[in-house]
Amino acid sequence: MRENPISREEYIDKVLSAYQRTAGTAGTIRRPDRLLAAQLHERGVPLMAVENALVLAAVRRMIRPAGSPPLGTIRSLAYFLPVIEEVLSLTVSPGYFQHLRHKIERLAQTR
């Protein structure tokens, strides 16, 4: 299923907005983040793949063994590049990522 094409600027804005909203990030957008979002657009990385990668990484950071040392704040969109690449290679249903989104909501309510 192909996404509807969106402009370069809209793509960048949506990627950066999703990044800002992702649990564990500083919420600050820097020039390298904007440049990376533009590169993702140029590569043709689907917006949904980026959003799913942010969700997957956030869940992985939230679900850790009890007593684990706290993780540092994510300060760059580049942190998510390996997960974006992983999501691009996955063959899971979109329902899986919806499940992860619900899991984040439930975890956020209990914290």
C-alpha atoms as a PDB file:
ATOM      1  CA  MET A   1       0.000   0.000   0.000  1.00  0.00           C
ATOM      2  CA  ARG A   2       1.515   3.337  -1.078  1.00  0.00           C
ATOM      3  CA  GLU A   3       1.143   6.504   0.920  1.00  0.00           C
ATOM      4  CA  ASN A   4      -0.335   9.585  -0.652  1.00  0.00           C
ATOM      5  CA  PRO A   5       2.513  11.805  -1.822  1.00  0.00           C
ATOM      6  CA  ILE A   6       3.122  14.835   0.347  1.00  0.00           C
ATOM      7  CA  SER A   7       5.407  17.784  -0.203  1.00  0.00           C
ATOM      8  CA  ARG A   8       8.979  17.753   1.021  1.00  0.00           C
ATOM      9  CA  GLU A   9       8.251  20.415   3.630  1.00  0.00           C
ATOM     10  CA  GLU A  10       5.141  18.643   4.897  1.00  0.00           C
ATOM     11  CA  TYR A  11       7.100  15.379   5.176  1.00  0.00           C
ATOM     12  CA  ILE A  12       9.893  17.094   7.128  1.00  0.00           C
ATOM     13  CA  ASP A  13       7.385  18.815   9.421  1.00  0.00           C
ATOM     14  CA  LYS A  14       5.554  15.551  10.110  1.00  0.00           C
ATOM     15  CA  VAL A  15       8.767  13.634  10.823  1.00  0.00           C
ATOM     16  CA  LEU A  16      10.025  16.329  13.172  1.00  0.00           C
ATOM     17  CA  SER A  17       6.657  16.624  14.906  1.00  0.00           C
ATOM     18  CA  ALA A  18       6.533  12.858  15.464  1.00  0.00           C
ATOM     19  CA  TYR A  19      10.104  12.955  16.767  1.00  0.00           C
ATOM     20  CA  GLN A  20       9.249  15.743  19.214  1.00  0.00           C
ATOM     21  CA  ARG A  21       6.274  13.783  20.559  1.00  0.00           C
ATOM     22  CA  THR A  22       8.238  10.565  21.010  1.00  0.00           C
ATOM     23  CA  ALA A  23       8.764   9.505  24.611  1.00  0.00           C
ATOM     24  CA  GLY A  24      12.360   9.836  25.732  1.00  0.00           C
ATOM     25  CA  THR A  25      13.318  12.649  23.382  1.00  0.00           C
ATOM     26  CA  ALA A  26      14.386  16.128  24.447  1.00  0.00           C
ATOM     27  CA  GLY A  27      11.672  17.601  22.221  1.00  0.00           C
ATOM     28  CA  THR A  28      14.128  20.012  20.659  1.00  0.00           C
ATOM     29  CA  ILE A  29      14.634  20.177  16.904  1.00  0.00           C
ATOM     30  CA  ARG A  30      18.115  21.025  15.680  1.00  0.00           C
ATOM     31  CA  ARG A  31      19.431  21.701  12.196  1.00  0.00           C
ATOM     32  CA  PRO A  32      20.898  18.166  11.825  1.00  0.00           C
ATOM     33  CA  ASP A  33      17.449  16.730  12.628  1.00  0.00           C
ATOM     34  CA  ARG A  34      15.887  18.831   9.880  1.00  0.00           C
ATOM     35  CA  LEU A  35      18.623  17.783   7.438  1.00  0.00           C
ATOM     36  CA  LEU A  36      18.145  14.110   8.303  1.00  0.00           C
ATOM     37  CA  ALA A  37      14.383  14.383   7.786  1.00  0.00           C
ATOM     38  CA  ALA A  38      15.069  15.899   4.355  1.00  0.00           C
ATOM     39  CA  GLN A  39      17.447  13.031   3.546  1.00  0.00           C
ATOM     40  CA  LEU A  40      14.803  10.503   4.537  1.00  0.00           C
ATOM     41  CA  HIS A  41      12.374  12.226   2.176  1.00  0.00           C
ATOM     42  CA  GLU A  42      14.946  12.202  -0.634  1.00  0.00           C
ATOM     43  CA  ARG A  43      15.516   8.484  -0.065  1.00  0.00           C
ATOM     44  CA  GLY A  44      11.796   7.901  -0.366  1.00  0.00           C
ATOM     45  CA  VAL A  45      11.430   6.476   3.150  1.00  0.00           C
ATOM     46  CA  PRO A  46       7.695   6.288   3.828  1.00  0.00           C
ATOM     47  CA  LEU A  47       6.500   8.594   6.576  1.00  0.00           C
ATOM     48  CA  MET A  48       4.685   5.676   8.204  1.00  0.00           C
ATOM     49  CA  ALA A  49       7.965   3.731   8.420  1.00  0.00           C
ATOM     50  CA  VAL A  50       9.599   6.623  10.272  1.00  0.00           C
ATOM     51  CA  GLU A  51       6.635   6.981  12.631  1.00  0.00           C
ATOM     52  CA  ASN A  52       6.583   3.220  13.262  1.00  0.00           C
ATOM     53  CA  ALA A  53      10.318   3.234  14.014  1.00  0.00           C
ATOM     54  CA  LEU A  54       9.854   6.004  16.568  1.00  0.00           C
ATOM     55  CA  VAL A  55       7.112   3.981  18.252  1.00  0.00           C
ATOM     56  CA  LEU A  56       9.139   0.764  18.221  1.00  0.00           C
ATOM     57  CA  ALA A  57      12.200   2.445  19.732  1.00  0.00           C
ATOM     58  CA  ALA A  58      10.111   4.212  22.376  1.00  0.00           C
ATOM     59  CA  VAL A  59       8.475   0.957  23.479  1.00  0.00           C
ATOM     60  CA  ARG A  60      11.838  -0.791  23.657  1.00  0.00           C
ATOM     61  CA  ARG A  61      13.153   1.969  25.900  1.00  0.00           C
ATOM     62  CA  MET A  62      10.060   1.919  28.119  1.00  0.00           C
ATOM     63  CA  ILE A  63       9.946  -1.849  28.640  1.00  0.00           C
ATOM     64  CA  ARG A  64      13.142  -2.670  30.451  1.00  0.00           C
ATOM     65  CA  PRO A  65      13.966  -4.963  33.333  1.00  0.00           C
ATOM     66  CA  ALA A  66      13.218  -3.621  36.787  1.00  0.00           C
ATOM     67  CA  GLY A  67      16.251  -2.039  38.376  1.00  0.00           C
ATOM     68  CA  SER A  68      17.861  -1.140  35.059  1.00  0.00           C
ATOM     69  CA  PRO A  69      19.726   2.145  35.161  1.00  0.00           C
ATOM     70  CA  PRO A  70      17.806   5.025  33.615  1.00  0.00           C
ATOM     71  CA  LEU A  71      18.456   5.793  29.971  1.00  0.00           C
ATOM     72  CA  GLY A  72      19.614   9.201  28.842  1.00  0.00           C
ATOM     73  CA  THR A  73      17.456  11.605  26.899  1.00  0.00           C
ATOM     74  CA  ILE A  74      17.483  11.203  23.113  1.00  0.00           C
ATOM     75  CA  ARG A  75      18.802  14.427  21.615  1.00  0.00           C
ATOM     76  CA  SER A  76      18.954  13.582  17.916  1.00  0.00           C
ATOM     77  CA  LEU A  77      16.713  12.098  15.260  1.00  0.00           C
ATOM     78  CA  ALA A  78      19.805  10.177  14.110  1.00  0.00           C
ATOM     79  CA  TYR A  79      19.400   7.938  17.177  1.00  0.00           C
ATOM     80  CA  PHE A  80      16.456   6.327  15.364  1.00  0.00           C
ATOM     81  CA  LEU A  81      18.218   5.582  12.054  1.00  0.00           C
ATOM     82  CA  PRO A  82      19.004   1.920  12.837  1.00  0.00           C
ATOM     83  CA  VAL A  83      15.395   1.348  13.895  1.00  0.00           C
ATOM     84  CA  ILE A  84      14.108   3.071  10.741  1.00  0.00           C
ATOM     85  CA  GLU A  85      16.250   0.679   8.686  1.00  0.00           C
ATOM     86  CA  GLU A  86      14.945  -2.244  10.729  1.00  0.00           C
ATOM     87  CA  VAL A  87      11.317  -1.214  10.202  1.00  0.00           C
ATOM     88  CA  LEU A  88      11.906  -0.896   6.455  1.00  0.00           C
ATOM     89  CA  SER A  89      12.989  -4.541   6.379  1.00  0.00           C
ATOM     90  CA  LEU A  90      10.168  -5.891   8.583  1.00  0.00           C
ATOM     91  CA  THR A  91       7.166  -7.734   7.237  1.00  0.00           C
ATOM     92  CA  VAL A  92       4.656  -7.264  10.051  1.00  0.00           C
ATOM     93  CA  SER A  93       1.108  -6.072   9.872  1.00  0.00           C
ATOM     94  CA  PRO A  94       0.271  -2.414  10.538  1.00  0.00           C
ATOM     95  CA  GLY A  95      -1.778  -3.731  13.460  1.00  0.00           C
ATOM     96  CA  TYR A  96       1.444  -4.567  15.277  1.00  0.00           C
ATOM     97  CA  PHE A  97       2.481  -0.921  15.365  1.00  0.00           C
ATOM     98  CA  GLN A  98      -1.015   0.082  16.430  1.00  0.00           C
ATOM     99  CA  HIS A  99      -0.665  -2.387  19.298  1.00  0.00           C
ATOM    100  CA  LEU A 100       2.636  -0.718  20.254  1.00  0.00           C
ATOM    101  CA  ARG A 101       0.989   2.720  20.196  1.00  0.00           C
ATOM    102  CA  HIS A 102      -1.669   1.469  22.627  1.00  0.00           C
ATOM    103  CA  LYS A 103       1.039  -0.063  24.808  1.00  0.00           C
ATOM    104  CA  ILE A 104       2.806   3.320  25.036  1.00  0.00           C
ATOM    105  CA  GLU A 105      -0.470   4.972  26.043  1.00  0.00           C
ATOM    106  CA  ARG A 106      -1.047   2.390  28.782  1.00  0.00           C
ATOM    107  CA  LEU A 107       2.531   2.657  30.053  1.00  0.00           C
ATOM    108  CA  ALA A 108       2.338   6.447  30.093  1.00  0.00           C
ATOM    109  CA  GLN A 109      -0.841   6.291  32.194  1.00  0.00           C
ATOM    110  CA  THR A 110       0.805   4.086  34.816  1.00  0.00           C
ATOM    111  CA  ARG A 111       3.854   6.341  35.225  1.00  0.00           C
END
